[in-house]
C-alpha cells in the first residue's frame, strides 16, 4: 500500500474512478492516436453508463481527449472547449460483454484520418487499464511508454521488435503477446522503461508483415 491508496490522487472530483480515471482513459487514448482528435464516438458501460452523468464521466473523457490530466481545473468546461476546437463527439451505450463495470469504448478519428478504437477500464484511485486496442486484447496501465504492434502471426516479428529496442538501448518492463487466431493477426504490447526514438518506430512500420504500430509516449 502506498500514500495514494490512503488519500487518493490529486484531482478534480467528485470520483477517483468515474472522474479522474475517465480523464486518464481519454488522455491515454489520444496519446495512442498520436494526433489531435477530430471525431469521437464514446460508448459507456456498466457504472459509467448508469451513474456517469452525476460524476462528470462524459466531461472527464472529453477532457482527457483534449490532453487534460485529472487535476486540470478546466475539466468541467471540456464540452465547450472541444466544440471550440471543432471536435465532434457523441455518447451511447457500449456493446461490451463481461467488461469491467467502469468501462468506456472510444472510437477515435484524428485530423489526418487516422483511426483508433480503445477500450479503457477505470480500476479506482485514478488507476486504469487499457483492455483492448482495435478490438484485440492489450491490458496495460498507461503508466509507461508503451509500444503496441499489430502484425501477421508469422515467425520473426517478435525478434525484429526486441532487436530494435535493444539497438536503441530500450529496456523492456513488461511484454504481452496476443493473437486473434493461428496465422491471423497478432499483437505485441511492450511497456518500456525509456521513450522509444521516432526513428525506431519508423523502421518498425516499414517491416514486412507489420500492420500497425501504435505508441504511447509520456512526453
Protein backbone atom coordinates (compact mmCIF):
# COMPACT_ATOMS: atom_id res chain seq x y z
CA UNK A 1 0.00 0.00 0.00
CA UNK A 2 1.25 3.48 -0.82
CA UNK A 3 0.16 7.00 0.11
CA UNK A 4 -2.25 7.28 -2.86
CA UNK A 5 -4.13 4.18 -1.67
CA UNK A 6 -4.94 6.13 1.51
CA UNK A 7 -5.51 9.75 0.44
CA UNK A 8 -6.32 9.29 -3.24
CA UNK A 9 -4.99 11.19 -6.25
CA UNK A 10 -4.84 14.97 -6.73
CA UNK A 11 -7.83 15.54 -8.98
CA UNK A 12 -10.93 17.49 -9.93
CA UNK A 13 -13.75 15.43 -8.38
CA UNK A 14 -16.06 14.06 -7.47
CA UNK A 15 -14.85 10.49 -8.08
CA UNK A 16 -11.39 8.97 -8.47
CA UNK A 17 -12.84 6.17 -10.61
CA UNK A 18 -15.63 7.89 -12.56
CA UNK A 19 -13.88 11.25 -12.99
CA UNK A 20 -10.10 11.00 -12.57
CA UNK A 21 -9.96 7.53 -14.10
CA UNK A 22 -12.11 8.64 -17.02
CA UNK A 23 -9.78 11.59 -17.68
CA UNK A 24 -6.83 9.20 -17.79
CA UNK A 25 -8.62 6.86 -20.21
CA UNK A 26 -9.26 9.75 -22.58
CA UNK A 27 -5.73 11.07 -22.16
CA UNK A 28 -4.08 7.72 -22.94
CA UNK A 29 -6.43 7.14 -25.89
CA UNK A 30 -5.48 10.43 -27.56
CA UNK A 31 -1.80 9.75 -26.91
CA UNK A 32 -2.17 6.37 -28.62
CA UNK A 33 -3.92 8.04 -31.57
CA UNK A 34 -0.82 10.19 -31.91
CA UNK A 35 -2.55 13.30 -33.27
CA UNK A 36 -5.35 15.71 -32.30
CA UNK A 37 -8.81 14.16 -32.21
CA UNK A 38 -11.29 15.25 -34.87
CA UNK A 39 -14.18 12.93 -34.05
CA UNK A 40 -15.00 10.71 -31.05
CA UNK A 41 -17.76 8.18 -30.60
CA UNK A 42 -17.80 7.01 -27.00
CA UNK A 43 -19.66 4.02 -25.59
CA UNK A 44 -20.26 3.82 -21.84
CA UNK A 45 -20.69 0.54 -19.98
CA UNK A 46 -21.86 -0.53 -16.54
CA UNK A 47 -21.50 2.05 -13.79
CA UNK A 48 -20.00 4.55 -16.25
CA UNK A 49 -23.32 4.40 -18.09
CA UNK A 50 -25.59 4.25 -15.03
CA UNK A 51 -24.03 6.96 -12.84
CA UNK A 52 -21.55 8.69 -15.11
CA UNK A 53 -23.62 11.82 -15.66
CA UNK A 54 -23.64 12.70 -11.97
CA UNK A 55 -19.92 12.02 -11.65
CA UNK A 56 -18.97 14.01 -14.74
CA UNK A 57 -17.64 10.94 -16.55
CA UNK A 58 -18.57 12.19 -20.02
CA UNK A 59 -16.89 15.56 -19.47
CA UNK A 60 -13.89 13.79 -17.98
CA UNK A 61 -13.44 11.53 -21.03
CA UNK A 62 -13.59 14.52 -23.39
CA UNK A 63 -11.15 16.41 -21.17
CA UNK A 64 -8.69 13.55 -21.49
CA UNK A 65 -9.08 13.57 -25.27
CA UNK A 66 -8.15 17.27 -25.14
CA UNK A 67 -4.93 16.36 -23.33
CA UNK A 68 -6.01 17.29 -19.80
CA UNK A 69 -4.90 15.41 -16.69
CA UNK A 70 -7.03 14.66 -13.59
CA UNK A 71 -6.19 17.87 -11.69
CA UNK A 72 -6.93 20.25 -14.58
CA UNK A 73 -9.48 22.84 -13.45
CA UNK A 74 -10.88 23.10 -17.00
CA UNK A 75 -12.41 19.59 -16.90
CA UNK A 76 -15.99 20.83 -16.21
CA UNK A 77 -15.74 23.03 -19.35
CA UNK A 78 -14.44 20.26 -21.63
CA UNK A 79 -17.55 20.06 -23.84
CA UNK A 80 -17.36 23.76 -24.62
CA UNK A 81 -13.59 23.62 -25.21
CA UNK A 82 -13.97 20.63 -27.55
CA UNK A 83 -16.68 22.40 -29.54
CA UNK A 84 -14.42 25.44 -29.88
CA UNK A 85 -11.77 23.19 -31.42
CA UNK A 86 -14.32 21.72 -33.85
CA UNK A 87 -14.23 18.25 -32.29
CA UNK A 88 -17.34 16.18 -32.92
CA UNK A 89 -18.29 13.80 -30.10
CA UNK A 90 -21.22 11.61 -29.12
CA UNK A 91 -22.11 9.15 -26.37
CA UNK A 92 -24.04 5.90 -26.42
CA UNK A 93 -24.33 2.60 -24.58
CA UNK A 94 -21.33 0.38 -25.24
CA UNK A 95 -21.92 -3.11 -26.58
CA UNK A 96 -19.34 -4.88 -24.40
CA UNK A 97 -19.51 -8.36 -22.92
CA UNK A 98 -18.27 -9.25 -19.42
CA UNK A 99 -16.33 -5.98 -19.22
CA UNK A 100 -15.19 -4.18 -16.09
CA UNK A 101 -18.14 -2.19 -14.67
CA UNK A 102 -16.32 1.13 -15.20
CA UNK A 103 -15.54 0.81 -18.92
CA UNK A 104 -15.59 3.06 -21.95
CA UNK A 105 -15.08 2.26 -25.61
CA UNK A 106 -13.62 5.16 -27.57
CA UNK A 107 -13.75 5.15 -31.38
CA UNK A 108 -11.46 7.98 -32.47
CA UNK A 109 -10.61 9.69 -35.72
CA UNK A 110 -7.68 12.09 -35.92
CA UNK A 111 -7.18 15.17 -38.04
CA UNK A 112 -5.28 13.19 -40.69
CA UNK A 113 -7.94 10.46 -40.87
CA UNK A 114 -6.05 8.04 -38.65
CA UNK A 115 -8.45 5.88 -36.62
CA UNK A 116 -8.19 4.01 -33.34
CA UNK A 117 -10.56 2.12 -31.06
CA UNK A 118 -9.68 1.76 -27.38
CA UNK A 119 -11.50 0.06 -24.51
CA UNK A 120 -10.41 1.50 -21.18
CA UNK A 121 -11.28 0.40 -17.66
CA UNK A 122 -11.18 2.59 -14.54
CA UNK A 123 -9.95 0.50 -11.62
CA UNK A 124 -10.27 3.05 -8.81
CA UNK A 125 -7.89 5.62 -7.34
CA UNK A 126 -7.41 7.02 -10.89
CA UNK A 127 -5.71 3.77 -11.96
CA UNK A 128 -6.75 2.47 -15.38
CA UNK A 129 -6.27 -0.49 -17.66
CA UNK A 130 -6.32 -0.29 -21.45
CA UNK A 131 -8.11 -3.57 -22.14
CA UNK A 132 -8.31 -3.52 -25.95
CA UNK A 133 -6.74 -1.69 -28.86
CA UNK A 134 -8.50 -2.01 -32.21
CA UNK A 135 -10.52 -4.98 -30.99
CA UNK A 136 -7.61 -7.09 -29.75
CA UNK A 137 -6.72 -7.58 -26.07
CA UNK A 138 -3.94 -5.39 -24.74
CA UNK A 139 -4.05 -4.90 -20.93
CA UNK A 140 -1.60 -2.15 -19.93
CA UNK A 141 -1.73 0.66 -17.41
CA UNK A 142 -0.67 3.68 -19.44
CA UNK A 143 1.98 4.44 -16.80
CA UNK A 144 4.96 3.51 -19.02
CA UNK A 145 5.96 4.32 -22.60
CA UNK A 146 4.08 1.54 -24.38
CA UNK A 147 4.51 0.04 -27.84
CA UNK A 148 1.58 -1.79 -29.45
CA UNK A 149 2.45 -3.68 -32.64
CA UNK A 150 -0.16 -5.36 -34.86
CA UNK A 151 1.48 -7.91 -37.12
CA UNK A 152 0.86 -11.05 -39.14
CA UNK A 153 1.17 -14.15 -36.96
CA UNK A 154 4.45 -15.30 -38.51
CA UNK A 155 7.90 -16.17 -37.10
CA UNK A 156 10.43 -13.37 -36.69
CA UNK A 157 8.33 -10.34 -35.78
CA UNK A 158 8.98 -10.56 -32.03
CA UNK A 159 12.70 -10.81 -32.76
CA UNK A 160 12.51 -7.76 -35.06
CA UNK A 161 10.84 -5.65 -32.38
CA UNK A 162 13.07 -6.72 -29.49
CA UNK A 163 16.20 -6.29 -31.63
CA UNK A 164 15.16 -2.72 -32.47
CA UNK A 165 14.61 -1.96 -28.78
CA UNK A 166 17.99 -3.46 -27.86
CA UNK A 167 19.68 -1.41 -30.60
CA UNK A 168 18.12 1.76 -29.15
CA UNK A 169 19.09 0.73 -25.57
CA UNK A 170 15.45 0.49 -24.51
CA UNK A 171 14.75 -1.79 -21.53
CA UNK A 172 11.53 -3.83 -21.60
CA UNK A 173 9.46 -3.61 -18.42
CA UNK A 174 6.66 -5.99 -19.49
CA UNK A 175 5.78 -7.81 -22.69
CA UNK A 176 2.49 -9.47 -23.67
CA UNK A 177 1.66 -11.40 -26.83
CA UNK A 178 -1.84 -11.97 -28.21
CA UNK A 179 -3.29 -13.33 -31.42
CA UNK A 180 -6.79 -13.49 -32.82
CA UNK A 181 -6.20 -16.90 -34.44
CA UNK A 182 -3.26 -19.00 -35.58
CA UNK A 183 -1.83 -17.49 -38.74
CA UNK A 184 -4.05 -14.41 -38.41
CA UNK A 185 -3.47 -11.10 -36.67
CA UNK A 186 -1.17 -10.93 -33.65
CA UNK A 187 -0.40 -8.13 -31.22
CA UNK A 188 2.61 -7.30 -29.07
CA UNK A 189 2.17 -4.97 -26.11
CA UNK A 190 5.51 -3.83 -24.69
CA UNK A 191 5.87 -1.45 -21.74
CA UNK A 192 9.30 0.17 -21.68
CA UNK A 193 11.48 1.98 -19.15
CA UNK A 194 12.54 4.64 -21.67
CA UNK A 195 10.92 6.52 -24.51
CA UNK A 196 11.38 4.94 -27.95
CA UNK A 197 13.02 7.23 -30.54
CA UNK A 198 10.87 8.12 -33.56
CA UNK A 199 13.35 6.54 -35.97
CA UNK A 200 12.80 3.17 -34.29
CA UNK A 201 9.05 3.44 -34.79
CA UNK A 202 9.52 4.50 -38.43
CA UNK A 203 11.77 1.48 -39.03
CA UNK A 204 9.19 -0.88 -37.50
CA UNK A 205 6.37 0.48 -39.66
CA UNK A 206 8.40 -0.33 -42.79
CA UNK A 207 8.91 -4.01 -41.96
CA UNK A 208 7.04 -6.61 -43.99
CA UNK A 209 4.19 -8.17 -42.04
CA UNK A 210 3.85 -5.25 -39.60
CA UNK A 211 0.28 -3.98 -39.99
CA UNK A 212 0.17 -1.14 -37.47
CA UNK A 213 2.45 0.44 -34.88
CA UNK A 214 0.85 2.43 -32.06
CA UNK A 215 2.96 4.16 -29.45
CA UNK A 216 2.06 5.74 -26.11
CA UNK A 217 4.60 8.43 -25.31
CA UNK A 218 4.54 10.04 -21.86
CA UNK A 219 6.42 13.14 -23.03
